[in-house]
Amino acid sequence: MLRGMEEAPTTDTAKISELSFEDALRALEQVVRQLESGDVALDQSIALYERGEALRRHCQARLDAAQARIEAIVQDARGQAIGTRPFDSDG
């Protein structure tokens, strides 16, 4: 019998892109638990894996953005703290 099927995963990347880092990480952990349980049919496992990969990419992108923002806060051309600037600015 399949467990957790009432929460069938979707690969809807629009919904994933709306998740906060914390919510995406929780969803990824749930996917991992379901896959590790061994109680999921092959087709469902593939769908779960695809969702997990999309969640992992989303989490990584959020971490990369946070790291870039932190680096923009603490470094100028000389490596000195000068305040803040948007991490996506060119200057």
PDB file of N, CA and C in Angstrom:
ATOM      1  N   MET A   1       0.850  -1.193   0.000  1.00  0.00           N
ATOM      2  CA  MET A   1       0.000   0.000   0.000  1.00  0.00           C
ATOM      3  C   MET A   1       0.881   1.236   0.000  1.00  0.00           C
ATOM      4  N   LEU A   2       0.504   2.232  -0.748  1.00  0.00           N
ATOM      5  CA  LEU A   2       1.276   3.454  -0.837  1.00  0.00           C
ATOM      6  C   LEU A   2       0.907   4.405   0.276  1.00  0.00           C
ATOM      7  N   ARG A   3       1.944   4.917   0.914  1.00  0.00           N
ATOM      8  CA  ARG A   3       1.708   5.901   1.960  1.00  0.00           C
ATOM      9  C   ARG A   3       1.920   7.292   1.402  1.00  0.00           C
ATOM     10  N   GLY A   4       1.216   8.261   1.942  1.00  0.00           N
ATOM     11  CA  GLY A   4       1.415   9.655   1.579  1.00  0.00           C
ATOM     12  C   GLY A   4       0.874  10.021   0.210  1.00  0.00           C
ATOM     13  N   MET A   5       0.080   9.175  -0.390  1.00  0.00           N
ATOM     14  CA  MET A   5      -0.419   9.466  -1.718  1.00  0.00           C
ATOM     15  C   MET A   5      -1.460  10.572  -1.720  1.00  0.00           C
ATOM     16  N   GLU A   6      -2.038  10.858  -0.544  1.00  0.00           N
ATOM     17  CA  GLU A   6      -2.993  11.945  -0.489  1.00  0.00           C
ATOM     18  C   GLU A   6      -2.316  13.282  -0.743  1.00  0.00           C
ATOM     19  N   GLU A   7      -0.982  13.310  -0.639  1.00  0.00           N
ATOM     20  CA  GLU A   7      -0.214  14.512  -0.918  1.00  0.00           C
ATOM     21  C   GLU A   7       0.621  14.264  -2.162  1.00  0.00           C
ATOM     22  N   ALA A   8      -0.015  13.864  -3.252  1.00  0.00           N
ATOM     23  CA  ALA A   8       0.708  13.531  -4.473  1.00  0.00           C
ATOM     24  C   ALA A   8       1.530  14.722  -4.929  1.00  0.00           C
ATOM     25  N   PRO A   9       2.811  14.498  -5.189  1.00  0.00           N
ATOM     26  CA  PRO A   9       3.670  15.606  -5.605  1.00  0.00           C
ATOM     27  C   PRO A   9       3.345  16.035  -7.021  1.00  0.00           C
ATOM     28  N   THR A  10       3.625  17.289  -7.274  1.00  0.00           N
ATOM     29  CA  THR A  10       3.497  17.787  -8.639  1.00  0.00           C
ATOM     30  C   THR A  10       4.856  18.321  -9.041  1.00  0.00           C
ATOM     31  N   THR A  11       5.071  18.451 -10.304  1.00  0.00           N
ATOM     32  CA  THR A  11       6.311  19.053 -10.778  1.00  0.00           C
ATOM     33  C   THR A  11       6.065  20.494 -11.181  1.00  0.00           C
ATOM     34  N   ASP A  12       5.034  21.097 -10.645  1.00  0.00           N
ATOM     35  CA  ASP A  12       4.670  22.473 -10.955  1.00  0.00           C
ATOM     36  C   ASP A  12       5.746  23.408 -10.418  1.00  0.00           C
ATOM     37  N   THR A  13       6.661  23.818 -11.294  1.00  0.00           N
ATOM     38  CA  THR A  13       7.759  24.663 -10.858  1.00  0.00           C
ATOM     39  C   THR A  13       7.297  26.051 -10.448  1.00  0.00           C
ATOM     40  N   ALA A  14       6.156  26.503 -10.944  1.00  0.00           N
ATOM     41  CA  ALA A  14       5.644  27.802 -10.522  1.00  0.00           C
ATOM     42  C   ALA A  14       5.366  27.780  -9.024  1.00  0.00           C
ATOM     43  N   LYS A  15       4.771  26.709  -8.544  1.00  0.00           N
ATOM     44  CA  LYS A  15       4.501  26.619  -7.110  1.00  0.00           C
ATOM     45  C   LYS A  15       5.792  26.494  -6.315  1.00  0.00           C
ATOM     46  N   ILE A  16       6.752  25.740  -6.799  1.00  0.00           N
ATOM     47  CA  ILE A  16       8.025  25.595  -6.106  1.00  0.00           C
ATOM     48  C   ILE A  16       8.719  26.949  -6.017  1.00  0.00           C
ATOM     49  N   SER A  17       8.682  27.725  -7.073  1.00  0.00           N
ATOM     50  CA  SER A  17       9.367  29.018  -7.068  1.00  0.00           C
ATOM     51  C   SER A  17       8.769  29.996  -6.066  1.00  0.00           C
ATOM     52  N   GLU A  18       7.549  29.743  -5.632  1.00  0.00           N
ATOM     53  CA  GLU A  18       6.899  30.608  -4.641  1.00  0.00           C
ATOM     54  C   GLU A  18       7.248  30.220  -3.204  1.00  0.00           C
ATOM     55  N   LEU A  19       7.882  29.071  -3.012  1.00  0.00           N
ATOM     56  CA  LEU A  19       8.193  28.595  -1.669  1.00  0.00           C
ATOM     57  C   LEU A  19       9.367  29.359  -1.063  1.00  0.00           C
ATOM     58  N   SER A  20       9.286  29.575   0.238  1.00  0.00           N
ATOM     59  CA  SER A  20      10.442  30.107   0.949  1.00  0.00           C
ATOM     60  C   SER A  20      11.496  29.007   1.005  1.00  0.00           C
ATOM     61  N   PHE A  21      12.714  29.366   1.344  1.00  0.00           N
ATOM     62  CA  PHE A  21      13.771  28.368   1.472  1.00  0.00           C
ATOM     63  C   PHE A  21      13.371  27.296   2.479  1.00  0.00           C
ATOM     64  N   GLU A  22      12.853  27.730   3.620  1.00  0.00           N
ATOM     65  CA  GLU A  22      12.503  26.783   4.683  1.00  0.00           C
ATOM     66  C   GLU A  22      11.397  25.828   4.258  1.00  0.00           C
ATOM     67  N   ASP A  23      10.383  26.350   3.572  1.00  0.00           N
ATOM     68  CA  ASP A  23       9.292  25.489   3.103  1.00  0.00           C
ATOM     69  C   ASP A  23       9.775  24.516   2.030  1.00  0.00           C
ATOM     70  N   ALA A  24      10.636  24.993   1.145  1.00  0.00           N
ATOM     71  CA  ALA A  24      11.181  24.115   0.105  1.00  0.00           C
ATOM     72  C   ALA A  24      12.042  23.022   0.719  1.00  0.00           C
ATOM     73  N   LEU A  25      12.815  23.367   1.728  1.00  0.00           N
ATOM     74  CA  LEU A  25      13.652  22.370   2.390  1.00  0.00           C
ATOM     75  C   LEU A  25      12.799  21.318   3.089  1.00  0.00           C
ATOM     76  N   ARG A  26      11.732  21.757   3.750  1.00  0.00           N
ATOM     77  CA  ARG A  26      10.818  20.797   4.394  1.00  0.00           C
ATOM     78  C   ARG A  26      10.185  19.874   3.356  1.00  0.00           C
ATOM     79  N   ALA A  27       9.778  20.436   2.224  1.00  0.00           N
ATOM     80  CA  ALA A  27       9.181  19.631   1.163  1.00  0.00           C
ATOM     81  C   ALA A  27      10.205  18.636   0.611  1.00  0.00           C
ATOM     82  N   LEU A  28      11.444  19.069   0.464  1.00  0.00           N
ATOM     83  CA  LEU A  28      12.504  18.185  -0.011  1.00  0.00           C
ATOM     84  C   LEU A  28      12.748  17.048   0.982  1.00  0.00           C
ATOM     85  N   GLU A  29      12.760  17.368   2.254  1.00  0.00           N
ATOM     86  CA  GLU A  29      12.929  16.330   3.279  1.00  0.00           C
ATOM     87  C   GLU A  29      11.797  15.312   3.225  1.00  0.00           C
ATOM     88  N   GLN A  30      10.575  15.777   2.971  1.00  0.00           N
ATOM     89  CA  GLN A  30       9.430  14.874   2.844  1.00  0.00           C
ATOM     90  C   GLN A  30       9.597  13.950   1.643  1.00  0.00           C
ATOM     91  N   VAL A  31      10.063  14.497   0.531  1.00  0.00           N
ATOM     92  CA  VAL A  31      10.309  13.688  -0.663  1.00  0.00           C
ATOM     93  C   VAL A  31      11.337  12.603  -0.350  1.00  0.00           C
ATOM     94  N   VAL A  32      12.407  12.984   0.318  1.00  0.00           N
ATOM     95  CA  VAL A  32      13.451  12.016   0.661  1.00  0.00           C
ATOM     96  C   VAL A  32      12.890  10.915   1.556  1.00  0.00           C
ATOM     97  N   ARG A  33      12.101  11.300   2.557  1.00  0.00           N
ATOM     98  CA  ARG A  33      11.505  10.287   3.448  1.00  0.00           C
ATOM     99  C   ARG A  33      10.637   9.310   2.659  1.00  0.00           C
ATOM    100  N   GLN A  34       9.827   9.834   1.742  1.00  0.00           N
ATOM    101  CA  GLN A  34       8.955   8.967   0.951  1.00  0.00           C
ATOM    102  C   GLN A  34       9.775   8.026   0.072  1.00  0.00           C
ATOM    103  N   LEU A  35      10.813   8.544  -0.554  1.00  0.00           N
ATOM    104  CA  LEU A  35      11.639   7.696  -1.408  1.00  0.00           C
ATOM    105  C   LEU A  35      12.381   6.638  -0.593  1.00  0.00           C
ATOM    106  N   GLU A  36      12.874   7.021   0.582  1.00  0.00           N
ATOM    107  CA  GLU A  36      13.600   6.077   1.423  1.00  0.00           C
ATOM    108  C   GLU A  36      12.705   5.008   2.025  1.00  0.00           C
ATOM    109  N   SER A  37      11.411   5.289   2.125  1.00  0.00           N
ATOM    110  CA  SER A  37      10.498   4.325   2.738  1.00  0.00           C
ATOM    111  C   SER A  37      10.391   3.053   1.913  1.00  0.00           C
ATOM    112  N   GLY A  38      10.578   3.163   0.608  1.00  0.00           N
ATOM    113  CA  GLY A  38      10.453   2.006  -0.258  1.00  0.00           C
ATOM    114  C   GLY A  38       9.025   1.593  -0.517  1.00  0.00           C
ATOM    115  N   ASP A  39       8.069   2.371  -0.047  1.00  0.00           N
ATOM    116  CA  ASP A  39       6.650   2.047  -0.198  1.00  0.00           C
ATOM    117  C   ASP A  39       5.986   2.788  -1.345  1.00  0.00           C
ATOM    118  N   VAL A  40       6.774   3.256  -2.298  1.00  0.00           N
ATOM    119  CA  VAL A  40       6.249   4.066  -3.379  1.00  0.00           C
ATOM    120  C   VAL A  40       6.461   3.321  -4.698  1.00  0.00           C
ATOM    121  N   ALA A  41       5.429   3.294  -5.519  1.00  0.00           N
ATOM    122  CA  ALA A  41       5.520   2.644  -6.823  1.00  0.00           C
ATOM    123  C   ALA A  41       6.557   3.343  -7.701  1.00  0.00           C
ATOM    124  N   LEU A  42       7.041   2.641  -8.709  1.00  0.00           N
ATOM    125  CA  LEU A  42       8.085   3.163  -9.575  1.00  0.00           C
ATOM    126  C   LEU A  42       7.703   4.503 -10.209  1.00  0.00           C
ATOM    127  N   ASP A  43       6.530   4.582 -10.805  1.00  0.00           N
ATOM    128  CA  ASP A  43       6.116   5.842 -11.441  1.00  0.00           C
ATOM    129  C   ASP A  43       6.062   6.979 -10.436  1.00  0.00           C
ATOM    130  N   GLN A  44       5.559   6.699  -9.253  1.00  0.00           N
ATOM    131  CA  GLN A  44       5.488   7.717  -8.202  1.00  0.00           C
ATOM    132  C   GLN A  44       6.897   8.088  -7.730  1.00  0.00           C
ATOM    133  N   SER A  45       7.792   7.114  -7.669  1.00  0.00           N
ATOM    134  CA  SER A  45       9.179   7.389  -7.284  1.00  0.00           C
ATOM    135  C   SER A  45       9.837   8.341  -8.270  1.00  0.00           C
ATOM    136  N   ILE A  46       9.578   8.121  -9.549  1.00  0.00           N
ATOM    137  CA  ILE A  46      10.149   9.002 -10.573  1.00  0.00           C
ATOM    138  C   ILE A  46       9.608  10.417 -10.408  1.00  0.00           C
ATOM    139  N   ALA A  47       8.312  10.543 -10.195  1.00  0.00           N
ATOM    140  CA  ALA A  47       7.708  11.865  -9.985  1.00  0.00           C
ATOM    141  C   ALA A  47       8.273  12.527  -8.730  1.00  0.00           C
ATOM    142  N   LEU A  48       8.438  11.749  -7.679  1.00  0.00           N
ATOM    143  CA  LEU A  48       9.017  12.285  -6.441  1.00  0.00           C
ATOM    144  C   LEU A  48      10.455  12.741  -6.673  1.00  0.00           C
ATOM    145  N   TYR A  49      11.217  11.941  -7.397  1.00  0.00           N
ATOM    146  CA  TYR A  49      12.606  12.301  -7.679  1.00  0.00           C
ATOM    147  C   TYR A  49      12.670  13.614  -8.463  1.00  0.00           C
ATOM    148  N   GLU A  50      11.819  13.748  -9.466  1.00  0.00           N
ATOM    149  CA  GLU A  50      11.790  14.980 -10.265  1.00  0.00           C
ATOM    150  C   GLU A  50      11.430  16.181  -9.406  1.00  0.00           C
ATOM    151  N   ARG A  51      10.444  16.017  -8.531  1.00  0.00           N
ATOM    152  CA  ARG A  51      10.069  17.113  -7.629  1.00  0.00           C
ATOM    153  C   ARG A  51      11.221  17.427  -6.677  1.00  0.00           C
ATOM    154  N   GLY A  52      11.854  16.391  -6.170  1.00  0.00           N
ATOM    155  CA  GLY A  52      12.987  16.596  -5.270  1.00  0.00           C
ATOM    156  C   GLY A  52      14.111  17.363  -5.931  1.00  0.00           C
ATOM    157  N   GLU A  53      14.385  17.043  -7.181  1.00  0.00           N
ATOM    158  CA  GLU A  53      15.431  17.751  -7.913  1.00  0.00           C
ATOM    159  C   GLU A  53      15.047  19.217  -8.116  1.00  0.00           C
ATOM    160  N   ALA A  54      13.799  19.482  -8.437  1.00  0.00           N
ATOM    161  CA  ALA A  54      13.344  20.870  -8.591  1.00  0.00           C
ATOM    162  C   ALA A  54      13.439  21.620  -7.261  1.00  0.00           C
ATOM    163  N   LEU A  55      13.081  20.957  -6.177  1.00  0.00           N
ATOM    164  CA  LEU A  55      13.194  21.571  -4.852  1.00  0.00           C
ATOM    165  C   LEU A  55      14.650  21.826  -4.491  1.00  0.00           C
ATOM    166  N   ARG A  56      15.535  20.892  -4.813  1.00  0.00           N
ATOM    167  CA  ARG A  56      16.956  21.056  -4.519  1.00  0.00           C
ATOM    168  C   ARG A  56      17.522  22.258  -5.284  1.00  0.00           C
ATOM    169  N   ARG A  57      17.160  22.364  -6.566  1.00  0.00           N
ATOM    170  CA  ARG A  57      17.630  23.505  -7.365  1.00  0.00           C
ATOM    171  C   ARG A  57      17.120  24.829  -6.785  1.00  0.00           C
ATOM    172  N   HIS A  58      15.865  24.838  -6.351  1.00  0.00           N
ATOM    173  CA  HIS A  58      15.287  26.050  -5.761  1.00  0.00           C
ATOM    174  C   HIS A  58      16.036  26.430  -4.481  1.00  0.00           C
ATOM    175  N   CYS A  59      16.267  25.457  -3.628  1.00  0.00           N
ATOM    176  CA  CYS A  59      17.003  25.724  -2.384  1.00  0.00           C
ATOM    177  C   CYS A  59      18.410  26.233  -2.685  1.00  0.00           C
ATOM    178  N   GLN A  60      19.087  25.606  -3.637  1.00  0.00           N
ATOM    179  CA  GLN A  60      20.444  26.032  -3.985  1.00  0.00           C
ATOM    180  C   GLN A  60      20.452  27.454  -4.526  1.00  0.00           C
ATOM    181  N   ALA A  61      19.477  27.791  -5.340  1.00  0.00           N
ATOM    182  CA  ALA A  61      19.401  29.150  -5.875  1.00  0.00           C
ATOM    183  C   ALA A  61      19.192  30.162  -4.761  1.00  0.00           C
ATOM    184  N   ARG A  62      18.347  29.815  -3.795  1.00  0.00           N
ATOM    185  CA  ARG A  62      18.122  30.731  -2.661  1.00  0.00           C
ATOM    186  C   ARG A  62      19.394  30.894  -1.829  1.00  0.00           C
ATOM    187  N   LEU A  63      20.123  29.800  -1.613  1.00  0.00           N
ATOM    188  CA  LEU A  63      21.377  29.878  -0.867  1.00  0.00           C
ATOM    189  C   LEU A  63      22.413  30.699  -1.626  1.00  0.00           C
ATOM    190  N   ASP A  64      22.511  30.489  -2.927  1.00  0.00           N
ATOM    191  CA  ASP A  64      23.458  31.254  -3.743  1.00  0.00           C
ATOM    192  C   ASP A  64      23.145  32.744  -3.683  1.00  0.00           C
ATOM    193  N   ALA A  65      21.869  33.090  -3.760  1.00  0.00           N
ATOM    194  CA  ALA A  65      21.472  34.499  -3.692  1.00  0.00           C
ATOM    195  C   ALA A  65      21.809  35.094  -2.332  1.00  0.00           C
ATOM    196  N   ALA A  66      21.573  34.332  -1.278  1.00  0.00           N
ATOM    197  CA  ALA A  66      21.887  34.824   0.069  1.00  0.00           C
ATOM    198  C   ALA A  66      23.392  35.023   0.219  1.00  0.00           C
ATOM    199  N   GLN A  67      24.172  34.096  -0.289  1.00  0.00           N
ATOM    200  CA  GLN A  67      25.627  34.219  -0.204  1.00  0.00           C
ATOM    201  C   GLN A  67      26.110  35.448  -0.971  1.00  0.00           C
ATOM    202  N   ALA A  68      25.583  35.673  -2.156  1.00  0.00           N
ATOM    203  CA  ALA A  68      25.974  36.834  -2.944  1.00  0.00           C
ATOM    204  C   ALA A  68      25.612  38.122  -2.216  1.00  0.00           C
ATOM    205  N   ARG A  69      24.460  38.128  -1.584  1.00  0.00           N
ATOM    206  CA  ARG A  69      24.027  39.329  -0.863  1.00  0.00           C
ATOM    207  C   ARG A  69      24.935  39.597   0.329  1.00  0.00           C
ATOM    208  N   ILE A  70      25.285  38.557   1.050  1.00  0.00           N
ATOM    209  CA  ILE A  70      26.183  38.712   2.197  1.00  0.00           C
ATOM    210  C   ILE A  70      27.543  39.218   1.736  1.00  0.00           C
ATOM    211  N   GLU A  71      28.048  38.667   0.648  1.00  0.00           N
ATOM    212  CA  GLU A  71      29.330  39.112   0.124  1.00  0.00           C
ATOM    213  C   GLU A  71      29.268  40.573  -0.291  1.00  0.00           C
ATOM    214  N   ALA A  72      28.151  41.025  -0.829  1.00  0.00           N
ATOM    215  CA  ALA A  72      28.004  42.425  -1.223  1.00  0.00           C
ATOM    216  C   ALA A  72      27.987  43.326   0.003  1.00  0.00           C
ATOM    217  N   ILE A  73      27.505  42.831   1.115  1.00  0.00           N
ATOM    218  CA  ILE A  73      27.460  43.627   2.337  1.00  0.00           C
ATOM    219  C   ILE A  73      28.853  43.802   2.928  1.00  0.00           C
ATOM    220  N   VAL A  74      29.671  42.780   2.908  1.00  0.00           N
ATOM    221  CA  VAL A  74      30.918  42.825   3.658  1.00  0.00           C
ATOM    222  C   VAL A  74      32.154  43.191   2.850  1.00  0.00           C
ATOM    223  N   GLN A  75      32.053  43.309   1.534  1.00  0.00           N
ATOM    224  CA  GLN A  75      33.260  43.569   0.763  1.00  0.00           C
ATOM    225  C   GLN A  75      33.099  44.709  -0.228  1.00  0.00           C
ATOM    226  N   ASP A  76      34.164  45.503  -0.323  1.00  0.00           N
ATOM    227  CA  ASP A  76      34.266  46.445  -1.422  1.00  0.00           C
ATOM    228  C   ASP A  76      35.481  46.027  -2.245  1.00  0.00           C
ATOM    229  N   ALA A  77      35.951  46.866  -3.134  1.00  0.00           N
ATOM    230  CA  ALA A  77      37.080  46.511  -3.999  1.00  0.00           C
ATOM    231  C   ALA A  77      38.354  46.218  -3.191  1.00  0.00           C
ATOM    232  N   ARG A  78      38.475  46.824  -2.020  1.00  0.00           N
ATOM    233  CA  ARG A  78      39.655  46.605  -1.175  1.00  0.00           C
ATOM    234  C   ARG A  78      39.426  45.539  -0.119  1.00  0.00           C
ATOM    235  N   GLY A  79      38.221  44.951  -0.122  1.00  0.00           N
ATOM    236  CA  GLY A  79      37.913  43.928   0.873  1.00  0.00           C
ATOM    237  C   GLY A  79      37.427  44.502   2.193  1.00  0.00           C
ATOM    238  N   GLN A  80      37.083  45.778   2.199  1.00  0.00           N
ATOM    239  CA  GLN A  80      36.618  46.449   3.407  1.00  0.00           C
ATOM    240  C   GLN A  80      35.097  46.548   3.409  1.00  0.00           C
ATOM    241  N   ALA A  81      34.503  46.489   4.589  1.00  0.00           N
ATOM    242  CA  ALA A  81      33.054  46.667   4.714  1.00  0.00           C
ATOM    243  C   ALA A  81      32.718  48.118   4.445  1.00  0.00           C
ATOM    244  N   ILE A  82      31.718  48.337   3.584  1.00  0.00           N
ATOM    245  CA  ILE A  82      31.355  49.710   3.238  1.00  0.00           C
ATOM    246  C   ILE A  82      29.859  49.964   3.379  1.00  0.00           C
ATOM    247  N   GLY A  83      29.126  49.004   3.841  1.00  0.00           N
ATOM    248  CA  GLY A  83      27.680  49.155   3.928  1.00  0.00           C
ATOM    249  C   GLY A  83      27.003  48.064   3.129  1.00  0.00           C
ATOM    250  N   THR A  84      25.888  48.432   2.523  1.00  0.00           N
ATOM    251  CA  THR A  84      25.146  47.432   1.766  1.00  0.00           C
ATOM    252  C   THR A  84      24.843  47.942   0.366  1.00  0.00           C
ATOM    253  N   ARG A  85      24.638  46.999  -0.543  1.00  0.00           N
ATOM    254  CA  ARG A  85      24.155  47.291  -1.878  1.00  0.00           C
ATOM    255  C   ARG A  85      23.428  46.034  -2.342  1.00  0.00           C
ATOM    256  N   PRO A  86      22.446  46.177  -3.203  1.00  0.00           N
ATOM    257  CA  PRO A  86      21.736  44.992  -3.692  1.00  0.00           C
ATOM    258  C   PRO A  86      22.697  44.015  -4.335  1.00  0.00           C
ATOM    259  N   PHE A  87      22.531  42.738  -4.040  1.00  0.00           N
ATOM    260  CA  PHE A  87      23.466  41.744  -4.578  1.00  0.00           C
ATOM    261  C   PHE A  87      23.399  41.616  -6.082  1.00  0.00           C
ATOM    262  N   ASP A  88      22.322  42.087  -6.682  1.00  0.00           N
ATOM    263  CA  ASP A  88      22.189  41.970  -8.127  1.00  0.00           C
ATOM    264  C   ASP A  88      22.568  43.243  -8.862  1.00  0.00           C
ATOM    265  N   SER A  89      23.116  44.230  -8.143  1.00  0.00           N
ATOM    266  CA  SER A  89      23.521  45.466  -8.811  1.00  0.00           C
ATOM    267  C   SER A  89      24.873  45.262  -9.491  1.00  0.00           C
ATOM    268  N   ASP A  90      25.166  46.084 -10.463  1.00  0.00           N
ATOM    269  CA  ASP A  90      26.417  45.971 -11.196  1.00  0.00           C
ATOM    270  C   ASP A  90      27.551  46.733 -10.556  1.00  0.00           C
ATOM    271  N   GLY A  91      27.275  47.543  -9.605  1.00  0.00           N
ATOM    272  CA  GLY A  91      28.334  48.375  -9.085  1.00  0.00           C
ATOM    273  C   GLY A  91      28.458  48.282  -7.640  1.00  0.00           C
TER     274      GLY A  91
END
